[in-house]
C-alpha atoms as a PDB file:
ATOM      1  CA  MET A   1      47.401  55.842 -30.735  1.00  0.00           C
ATOM      2  CA  LEU A   2      48.377  53.103 -27.976  1.00  0.00           C
ATOM      3  CA  ALA A   3      45.164  54.056 -25.905  1.00  0.00           C
ATOM      4  CA  PHE A   4      43.017  53.101 -28.832  1.00  0.00           C
ATOM      5  CA  ALA A   5      44.763  50.098 -29.947  1.00  0.00           C
ATOM      6  CA  PRO A   6      42.225  47.704 -28.216  1.00  0.00           C
ATOM      7  CA  LEU A   7      39.224  49.463 -29.866  1.00  0.00           C
ATOM      8  CA  HIS A   8      40.910  49.209 -33.281  1.00  0.00           C
ATOM      9  CA  ALA A   9      41.470  45.536 -32.770  1.00  0.00           C
ATOM     10  CA  VAL A  10      37.803  44.926 -31.910  1.00  0.00           C
ATOM     11  CA  THR A  11      36.570  47.216 -34.748  1.00  0.00           C
ATOM     12  CA  SER A  12      38.809  45.212 -37.272  1.00  0.00           C
ATOM     13  CA  ALA A  13      37.373  41.961 -35.936  1.00  0.00           C
ATOM     14  CA  ALA A  14      34.019  43.568 -36.373  1.00  0.00           C
ATOM     15  CA  ALA A  15      34.703  44.473 -39.897  1.00  0.00           C
ATOM     16  CA  THR A  16      35.932  41.060 -40.713  1.00  0.00           C
ATOM     17  CA  VAL A  17      32.620  39.568 -39.638  1.00  0.00           C
ATOM     18  CA  VAL A  18      30.488  41.978 -41.330  1.00  0.00           C
ATOM     19  CA  THR A  19      32.380  41.440 -44.471  1.00  0.00           C
ATOM     20  CA  TRP A  20      32.223  37.852 -44.395  1.00  0.00           C
ATOM     21  CA  LEU A  21      28.511  38.067 -43.715  1.00  0.00           C
ATOM     22  CA  ALA A  22      28.133  40.539 -46.676  1.00  0.00           C
ATOM     23  CA  ASP A  23      30.068  38.278 -49.103  1.00  0.00           C
ATOM     24  CA  THR A  24      27.775  35.273 -47.829  1.00  0.00           C
ATOM     25  CA  LEU A  25      24.658  37.228 -48.288  1.00  0.00           C
ATOM     26  CA  ALA A  26      25.639  39.015 -51.649  1.00  0.00           C
ATOM     27  CA  PRO A  27      23.885  36.085 -53.830  1.00  0.00           C
ATOM     28  CA  LEU A  28      20.508  36.810 -51.985  1.00  0.00           C
ATOM     29  CA  THR A  29      20.556  40.373 -51.084  1.00  0.00           C
ATOM     30  CA  GLY A  30      22.689  42.021 -53.904  1.00  0.00           C
ATOM     31  CA  GLY A  31      23.724  45.548 -53.242  1.00  0.00           C
ATOM     32  CA  ALA A  32      22.158  45.475 -49.819  1.00  0.00           C
ATOM     33  CA  ALA A  33      24.369  42.778 -48.669  1.00  0.00           C
ATOM     34  CA  THR A  34      26.385  44.900 -46.171  1.00  0.00           C
ATOM     35  CA  ALA A  35      23.320  46.208 -44.524  1.00  0.00           C
ATOM     36  CA  ALA A  36      21.869  42.710 -44.292  1.00  0.00           C
ATOM     37  CA  ALA A  37      25.140  41.753 -42.801  1.00  0.00           C
ATOM     38  CA  ILE A  38      24.705  44.629 -40.226  1.00  0.00           C
ATOM     39  CA  VAL A  39      21.297  43.366 -39.164  1.00  0.00           C
ATOM     40  CA  LEU A  40      22.597  39.641 -38.757  1.00  0.00           C
ATOM     41  CA  PHE A  41      25.560  41.007 -36.805  1.00  0.00           C
ATOM     42  CA  THR A  42      23.150  42.930 -34.350  1.00  0.00           C
ATOM     43  CA  VAL A  43      21.146  39.682 -33.997  1.00  0.00           C
ATOM     44  CA  GLY A  44      24.134  37.754 -33.143  1.00  0.00           C
ATOM     45  CA  VAL A  45      25.174  40.498 -30.573  1.00  0.00           C
ATOM     46  CA  ARG A  46      21.591  40.182 -28.876  1.00  0.00           C
ATOM     47  CA  LEU A  47      21.799  36.388 -28.873  1.00  0.00           C
ATOM     48  CA  LEU A  48      25.158  36.507 -26.984  1.00  0.00           C
ATOM     49  CA  ILE A  49      23.481  38.675 -24.283  1.00  0.00           C
ATOM     50  CA  SER A  50      20.404  36.759 -24.336  1.00  0.00           C
ATOM     51  CA  PRO A  51      21.055  35.057 -20.875  1.00  0.00           C
ATOM     52  CA  LEU A  52      21.177  38.350 -19.250  1.00  0.00           C
ATOM     53  CA  THR A  53      17.820  39.377 -20.917  1.00  0.00           C
ATOM     54  CA  LEU A  54      16.367  36.270 -19.450  1.00  0.00           C
ATOM     55  CA  ALA A  55      17.786  37.147 -15.893  1.00  0.00           C
ATOM     56  CA  GLN A  56      16.392  40.623 -16.558  1.00  0.00           C
ATOM     57  CA  VAL A  57      12.820  39.353 -17.170  1.00  0.00           C
ATOM     58  CA  ARG A  58      12.892  36.904 -14.179  1.00  0.00           C
ATOM     59  CA  GLY A  59      13.876  40.019 -11.927  1.00  0.00           C
ATOM     60  CA  GLU A  60      11.137  42.157 -13.261  1.00  0.00           C
ATOM     61  CA  ARG A  61       8.698  39.483 -12.475  1.00  0.00           C
ATOM     62  CA  ARG A  62       9.845  39.108  -9.035  1.00  0.00           C
ATOM     63  CA  SER A  63       9.680  43.008  -8.665  1.00  0.00           C
ATOM     64  CA  ALA A  64       6.064  43.021 -10.052  1.00  0.00           C
ATOM     65  CA  ALA A  65       5.196  40.160  -7.388  1.00  0.00           C
ATOM     66  CA  LEU A  66       6.561  42.419  -4.668  1.00  0.00           C
ATOM     67  CA  ALA A  67       4.295  45.295  -5.699  1.00  0.00           C
ATOM     68  CA  PRO A  68       1.745  44.927  -2.829  1.00  0.00           C
ATOM     69  CA  GLU A  69       4.627  44.731  -0.268  1.00  0.00           C
ATOM     70  CA  VAL A  70       6.238  47.880  -1.953  1.00  0.00           C
ATOM     71  CA  ARG A  71       2.940  49.877  -1.484  1.00  0.00           C
ATOM     72  CA  ASP A  72       2.649  48.866   2.066  1.00  0.00           C
ATOM     73  CA  LEU A  73       6.118  50.158   2.748  1.00  0.00           C
ATOM     74  CA  GLN A  74       5.444  53.272   0.906  1.00  0.00           C
ATOM     75  CA  ARG A  75       2.349  54.003   3.269  1.00  0.00           C
ATOM     76  CA  ARG A  76       4.127  52.976   6.252  1.00  0.00           C
ATOM     77  CA  TYR A  77       7.239  55.137   5.643  1.00  0.00           C
ATOM     78  CA  ALA A  78       5.821  57.937   3.728  1.00  0.00           C
ATOM     79  CA  ASP A  79       7.400  60.431   6.203  1.00  0.00           C
ATOM     80  CA  ASP A  80      10.705  58.888   6.217  1.00  0.00           C
ATOM     81  CA  PRO A  81      12.149  58.623   2.695  1.00  0.00           C
ATOM     82  CA  GLY A  82      15.620  57.387   3.964  1.00  0.00           C
ATOM     83  CA  ARG A  83      13.996  54.426   5.923  1.00  0.00           C
ATOM     84  CA  LEU A  84      11.610  53.843   2.963  1.00  0.00           C
ATOM     85  CA  GLN A  85      14.632  53.238   0.641  1.00  0.00           C
ATOM     86  CA  SER A  86      16.611  51.020   2.961  1.00  0.00           C
ATOM     87  CA  GLU A  87      13.449  48.865   3.645  1.00  0.00           C
ATOM     88  CA  LEU A  88      12.853  48.652  -0.198  1.00  0.00           C
ATOM     89  CA  PHE A  89      16.266  47.390  -0.907  1.00  0.00           C
ATOM     90  CA  ALA A  90      16.080  44.965   1.782  1.00  0.00           C
ATOM     91  CA  LEU A  91      12.903  43.607   0.574  1.00  0.00           C
ATOM     92  CA  TYR A  92      14.413  43.297  -2.944  1.00  0.00           C
ATOM     93  CA  ARG A  93      17.452  41.575  -1.637  1.00  0.00           C
ATOM     94  CA  ARG A  94      15.402  39.093   0.431  1.00  0.00           C
ATOM     95  CA  ALA A  95      13.383  38.128  -2.625  1.00  0.00           C
ATOM     96  CA  GLY A  96      16.502  37.954  -4.937  1.00  0.00           C
ATOM     97  CA  ALA A  97      15.261  40.611  -7.250  1.00  0.00           C
ATOM     98  CA  SER A  98      16.850  43.908  -8.517  1.00  0.00           C
ATOM     99  CA  PRO A  99      14.987  46.996  -9.659  1.00  0.00           C
ATOM    100  CA  VAL A 100      17.933  48.105 -11.716  1.00  0.00           C
ATOM    101  CA  ALA A 101      18.909  44.717 -13.527  1.00  0.00           C
ATOM    102  CA  GLY A 102      17.335  45.952 -16.646  1.00  0.00           C
ATOM    103  CA  CYS A 103      20.167  48.339 -17.117  1.00  0.00           C
ATOM    104  CA  LEU A 104      22.839  45.423 -17.924  1.00  0.00           C
ATOM    105  CA  PRO A 105      21.718  44.408 -21.384  1.00  0.00           C
ATOM    106  CA  ALA A 106      21.737  48.023 -22.389  1.00  0.00           C
ATOM    107  CA  LEU A 107      25.041  48.656 -20.999  1.00  0.00           C
ATOM    108  CA  LEU A 108      26.550  45.555 -22.645  1.00  0.00           C
ATOM    109  CA  GLN A 109      25.177  46.782 -26.094  1.00  0.00           C
ATOM    110  CA  ALA A 110      26.946  50.158 -25.720  1.00  0.00           C
ATOM    111  CA  PRO A 111      30.537  48.789 -26.658  1.00  0.00           C
ATOM    112  CA  PHE A 112      29.048  47.153 -29.820  1.00  0.00           C
ATOM    113  CA  PHE A 113      27.394  50.227 -30.864  1.00  0.00           C
ATOM    114  CA  LEU A 114      30.682  52.147 -30.303  1.00  0.00           C
ATOM    115  CA  VAL A 115      32.286  49.645 -32.763  1.00  0.00           C
ATOM    116  CA  MET A 116      29.692  50.207 -35.376  1.00  0.00           C
ATOM    117  CA  TYR A 117      29.991  53.873 -35.059  1.00  0.00           C
ATOM    118  CA  ARG A 118      33.668  53.890 -35.380  1.00  0.00           C
ATOM    119  CA  LEU A 119      33.690  51.394 -38.248  1.00  0.00           C
ATOM    120  CA  PHE A 120      31.338  53.321 -40.309  1.00  0.00           C
ATOM    121  CA  ALA A 121      32.237  56.922 -39.161  1.00  0.00           C
ATOM    122  CA  THR A 122      35.796  56.796 -39.686  1.00  0.00           C
ATOM    123  CA  GLY A 123      36.433  53.482 -41.692  1.00  0.00           C
ATOM    124  CA  ASP A 124      39.224  52.622 -39.295  1.00  0.00           C
ATOM    125  CA  GLY A 125      41.211  50.637 -41.745  1.00  0.00           C
ATOM    126  CA  HIS A 126      38.199  49.458 -43.610  1.00  0.00           C
ATOM    127  CA  THR A 127      37.295  52.346 -45.772  1.00  0.00           C
ATOM    128  CA  HIS A 128      35.453  50.174 -48.355  1.00  0.00           C
ATOM    129  CA  LEU A 129      32.759  49.501 -45.962  1.00  0.00           C
ATOM    130  CA  LEU A 130      31.829  53.331 -46.023  1.00  0.00           C
ATOM    131  CA  ASP A 131      30.949  53.056 -49.657  1.00  0.00           C
ATOM    132  CA  GLU A 132      28.375  50.250 -49.336  1.00  0.00           C
ATOM    133  CA  LYS A 133      24.811  51.408 -49.763  1.00  0.00           C
ATOM    134  CA  LEU A 134      21.311  50.667 -48.762  1.00  0.00           C
ATOM    135  CA  ALA A 135      18.794  51.849 -51.414  1.00  0.00           C
ATOM    136  CA  GLY A 136      21.330  53.907 -52.934  1.00  0.00           C
ATOM    137  CA  VAL A 137      22.752  55.624 -49.750  1.00  0.00           C
ATOM    138  CA  PRO A 138      26.187  55.057 -48.476  1.00  0.00           C
ATOM    139  CA  LEU A 139      26.153  53.457 -45.172  1.00  0.00           C
ATOM    140  CA  GLY A 140      28.933  55.894 -44.037  1.00  0.00           C
ATOM    141  CA  TRP A 141      26.584  59.012 -44.636  1.00  0.00           C
ATOM    142  CA  HIS A 142      24.887  61.065 -41.974  1.00  0.00           C
ATOM    143  CA  LEU A 143      21.343  62.581 -42.426  1.00  0.00           C
ATOM    144  CA  GLY A 144      22.839  65.955 -43.273  1.00  0.00           C
ATOM    145  CA  ASP A 145      25.309  64.574 -45.830  1.00  0.00           C
ATOM    146  CA  GLY A 146      22.942  64.735 -48.683  1.00  0.00           C
ATOM    147  CA  LEU A 147      19.387  65.950 -48.311  1.00  0.00           C
ATOM    148  CA  THR A 148      18.000  64.349 -51.457  1.00  0.00           C
ATOM    149  CA  GLY A 149      15.119  62.078 -51.983  1.00  0.00           C
ATOM    150  CA  PRO A 150      16.778  58.771 -51.252  1.00  0.00           C
ATOM    151  CA  VAL A 151      18.602  60.082 -48.220  1.00  0.00           C
ATOM    152  CA  LEU A 152      15.409  61.539 -46.789  1.00  0.00           C
ATOM    153  CA  ALA A 153      13.530  58.370 -47.501  1.00  0.00           C
ATOM    154  CA  VAL A 154      15.964  55.730 -46.050  1.00  0.00           C
ATOM    155  CA  PHE A 155      16.580  58.031 -42.954  1.00  0.00           C
ATOM    156  CA  GLY A 156      12.818  58.940 -42.713  1.00  0.00           C
ATOM    157  CA  VAL A 157      11.810  55.346 -42.549  1.00  0.00           C
ATOM    158  CA  LEU A 158      14.483  54.187 -40.072  1.00  0.00           C
ATOM    159  CA  LEU A 159      13.807  57.180 -37.830  1.00  0.00           C
ATOM    160  CA  ALA A 160      10.125  56.660 -38.003  1.00  0.00           C
ATOM    161  CA  ALA A 161      10.661  53.059 -36.825  1.00  0.00           C
ATOM    162  CA  LEU A 162      12.895  54.402 -34.082  1.00  0.00           C
ATOM    163  CA  LEU A 163      10.117  56.930 -32.936  1.00  0.00           C
ATOM    164  CA  VAL A 164       7.362  54.037 -32.986  1.00  0.00           C
ATOM    165  CA  LEU A 165       9.733  51.586 -31.078  1.00  0.00           C
ATOM    166  CA  ALA A 166      10.553  54.490 -28.500  1.00  0.00           C
ATOM    167  CA  TRP A 167       6.793  55.345 -27.929  1.00  0.00           C
ATOM    168  CA  TRP A 168       6.046  51.523 -27.426  1.00  0.00           C
ATOM    169  CA  SER A 169       9.140  51.152 -24.794  1.00  0.00           C
ATOM    170  CA  ALA A 170       8.050  54.387 -22.883  1.00  0.00           C
ATOM    171  CA  ARG A 171       4.495  53.182 -22.541  1.00  0.00           C
ATOM    172  CA  ARG A 172       5.841  49.721 -21.115  1.00  0.00           C
ATOM    173  CA  ALA A 173       8.137  51.676 -18.804  1.00  0.00           C
ATOM    174  CA  ARG A 174       4.968  53.503 -17.307  1.00  0.00           C
ATOM    175  CA  ARG A 175       2.995  50.095 -16.927  1.00  0.00           C
ATOM    176  CA  ALA A 176       6.075  48.554 -15.211  1.00  0.00           C
ATOM    177  CA  ALA A 177       6.454  51.338 -12.877  1.00  0.00           C
ATOM    178  CA  ALA A 178       2.699  51.139 -11.891  1.00  0.00           C
ATOM    179  CA  ALA A 179       3.004  47.307 -11.544  1.00  0.00           C
ATOM    180  CA  THR A 180       6.202  47.379  -9.231  1.00  0.00           C
ATOM    181  CA  GLY A 181       5.756  50.464  -7.284  1.00  0.00           C
ATOM    182  CA  THR A 182       9.221  51.609  -8.285  1.00  0.00           C
ATOM    183  CA  ILE A 183      10.914  53.730 -10.959  1.00  0.00           C
ATOM    184  CA  ALA A 184      14.557  52.825 -11.856  1.00  0.00           C
ATOM    185  CA  GLY A 185      14.713  51.237  -8.309  1.00  0.00           C
ATOM    186  CA  ALA A 186      13.212  54.243  -6.560  1.00  0.00           C
ATOM    187  CA  PRO A 187       9.848  54.410  -4.810  1.00  0.00           C
ATOM    188  CA  THR A 188       7.093  55.958  -6.927  1.00  0.00           C
ATOM    189  CA  GLU A 189       6.512  58.264  -3.929  1.00  0.00           C
ATOM    190  CA  GLY A 190       8.867  60.654  -2.192  1.00  0.00           C
ATOM    191  CA  PRO A 191      11.390  63.002  -3.125  1.00  0.00           C
ATOM    192  CA  GLY A 192      12.528  62.967  -6.754  1.00  0.00           C
ATOM    193  CA  ALA A 193       9.881  60.511  -7.729  1.00  0.00           C
ATOM    194  CA  ALA A 194       7.934  63.072  -9.996  1.00  0.00           C
ATOM    195  CA  VAL A 195      11.201  63.768 -11.866  1.00  0.00           C
ATOM    196  CA  LEU A 196      11.954  60.177 -12.329  1.00  0.00           C
ATOM    197  CA  GLY A 197       8.460  59.464 -13.279  1.00  0.00           C
ATOM    198  CA  TRP A 198       8.661  62.147 -16.031  1.00  0.00           C
ATOM    199  CA  LEU A 199      12.379  61.196 -16.996  1.00  0.00           C
ATOM    200  CA  VAL A 200      12.372  57.587 -17.258  1.00  0.00           C
ATOM    201  CA  PRO A 201       9.720  57.150 -19.901  1.00  0.00           C
ATOM    202  CA  LEU A 202      11.393  59.693 -22.065  1.00  0.00           C
ATOM    203  CA  LEU A 203      14.742  57.739 -22.151  1.00  0.00           C
ATOM    204  CA  PRO A 204      13.801  55.391 -25.071  1.00  0.00           C
ATOM    205  CA  PHE A 205      13.408  58.474 -27.324  1.00  0.00           C
ATOM    206  CA  THR A 206      17.268  59.245 -26.802  1.00  0.00           C
ATOM    207  CA  THR A 207      17.796  56.526 -29.585  1.00  0.00           C
ATOM    208  CA  VAL A 208      15.921  58.977 -32.170  1.00  0.00           C
ATOM    209  CA  LEU A 209      18.116  61.778 -31.133  1.00  0.00           C
ATOM    210  CA  VAL A 210      21.139  59.526 -31.651  1.00  0.00           C
ATOM    211  CA  GLY A 211      19.854  58.263 -35.013  1.00  0.00           C
ATOM    212  CA  LEU A 212      19.926  62.042 -36.231  1.00  0.00           C
ATOM    213  CA  VAL A 213      23.715  62.506 -35.755  1.00  0.00           C
ATOM    214  CA  VAL A 214      25.328  58.797 -36.440  1.00  0.00           C
ATOM    215  CA  PRO A 215      25.974  57.144 -39.733  1.00  0.00           C
ATOM    216  CA  LEU A 216      23.355  55.187 -41.526  1.00  0.00           C
ATOM    217  CA  ALA A 217      24.904  51.998 -40.467  1.00  0.00           C
ATOM    218  CA  ALA A 218      24.577  52.922 -36.887  1.00  0.00           C
ATOM    219  CA  VAL A 219      20.984  53.933 -37.235  1.00  0.00           C
ATOM    220  CA  LEU A 220      20.400  50.483 -38.889  1.00  0.00           C
ATOM    221  CA  TYR A 221      22.132  48.862 -35.896  1.00  0.00           C
ATOM    222  CA  LEU A 222      19.864  50.834 -33.478  1.00  0.00           C
ATOM    223  CA  VAL A 223      16.609  49.919 -35.388  1.00  0.00           C
ATOM    224  CA  THR A 224      17.488  46.478 -35.307  1.00  0.00           C
ATOM    225  CA  THR A 225      18.537  46.165 -31.659  1.00  0.00           C
ATOM    226  CA  THR A 226      15.337  48.233 -30.561  1.00  0.00           C
ATOM    227  CA  ALA A 227      13.208  45.930 -32.582  1.00  0.00           C
ATOM    228  CA  TRP A 228      14.793  42.964 -31.262  1.00  0.00           C
ATOM    229  CA  THR A 229      14.193  44.514 -27.670  1.00  0.00           C
ATOM    230  CA  ALA A 230      10.480  44.979 -28.526  1.00  0.00           C
ATOM    231  CA  LEU A 231      10.190  41.443 -29.784  1.00  0.00           C
ATOM    232  CA  GLU A 232      11.659  40.252 -26.419  1.00  0.00           C
ATOM    233  CA  GLN A 233       9.214  42.264 -24.608  1.00  0.00           C
ATOM    234  CA  ALA A 234       6.378  41.027 -26.459  1.00  0.00           C
ATOM    235  CA  VAL A 235       7.423  37.211 -25.983  1.00  0.00           C
ATOM    236  CA  LEU A 236       9.225  37.099 -22.660  1.00  0.00           C
ATOM    237  CA  ARG A 237       7.221  39.485 -20.974  1.00  0.00           C
ATOM    238  CA  ARG A 238       3.758  38.418 -21.864  1.00  0.00           C
ATOM    239  CA  PRO A 239       1.187  37.953 -18.845  1.00  0.00           C
ATOM    240  CA  GLN A 240       1.820  34.644 -17.038  1.00  0.00           C
ATOM    241  CA  PRO A 241      -0.934  32.348 -15.996  1.00  0.00           C
ATOM    242  CA  GLU A 242      -1.859  32.522 -12.354  1.00  0.00           C
ATOM    243  CA  GLY A 243      -0.041  29.769 -10.476  1.00  0.00           C
ATOM    244  CA  ILE A 244       3.101  29.960 -12.775  1.00  0.00           C
ATOM    245  CA  ASP A 245       6.168  30.533 -10.923  1.00  0.00           C
ATOM    246  CA  ALA A 246       8.244  33.414 -12.590  1.00  0.00           C
ATOM    247  CA  ARG A 247      11.670  31.832 -11.473  1.00  0.00           C
END
């Protein structure tokens, strides 16, 4: 029990925030107040880590600007993968770019998702939240808890949204790899490149698989945060006019 005391404390704090938001939104959203509170809670989380997202975008633009040099190194050291890897990391270090900086926002979101899952999967001292509903479906329910019309409709809409967002993110990952000449920090040519090139674009679809097994509240969190990421990509990663410094 002691090992989980910090997690319990954080979950209790999250429950307090969600409950307060739901009470505030109730006059406007009625029975969907808790679902709306989860959406606002998620937006708040994303706003908290927005400075890291901005740093990630700047890093991606620096990486894209290095694409010609990356391709030149790939041609020069095509027969020496070890030397190629070291030269690539040296290039990124000199330019102040990091091909793996994009992992940070996703890693920082993981604890919040864990808290949301724990809150609505176990109640964790706030069992009243498990009974709150979205379109008649309890937020603590999983997809298999009741294969009725409302359950299938609510989960179906949210999972379809996750699928579309995953497809969009996968397409963007392929374009980013083509622009920077790297996949997850590794060159697009050389040992393992084919596997990475196949695997990385599939990673966004893991959200759909997760959505199949977590409570409705956690699915709502996933849809909101993934949609926020897509909005960020559309706004922050739009093409820059020539001559504009990405820094």
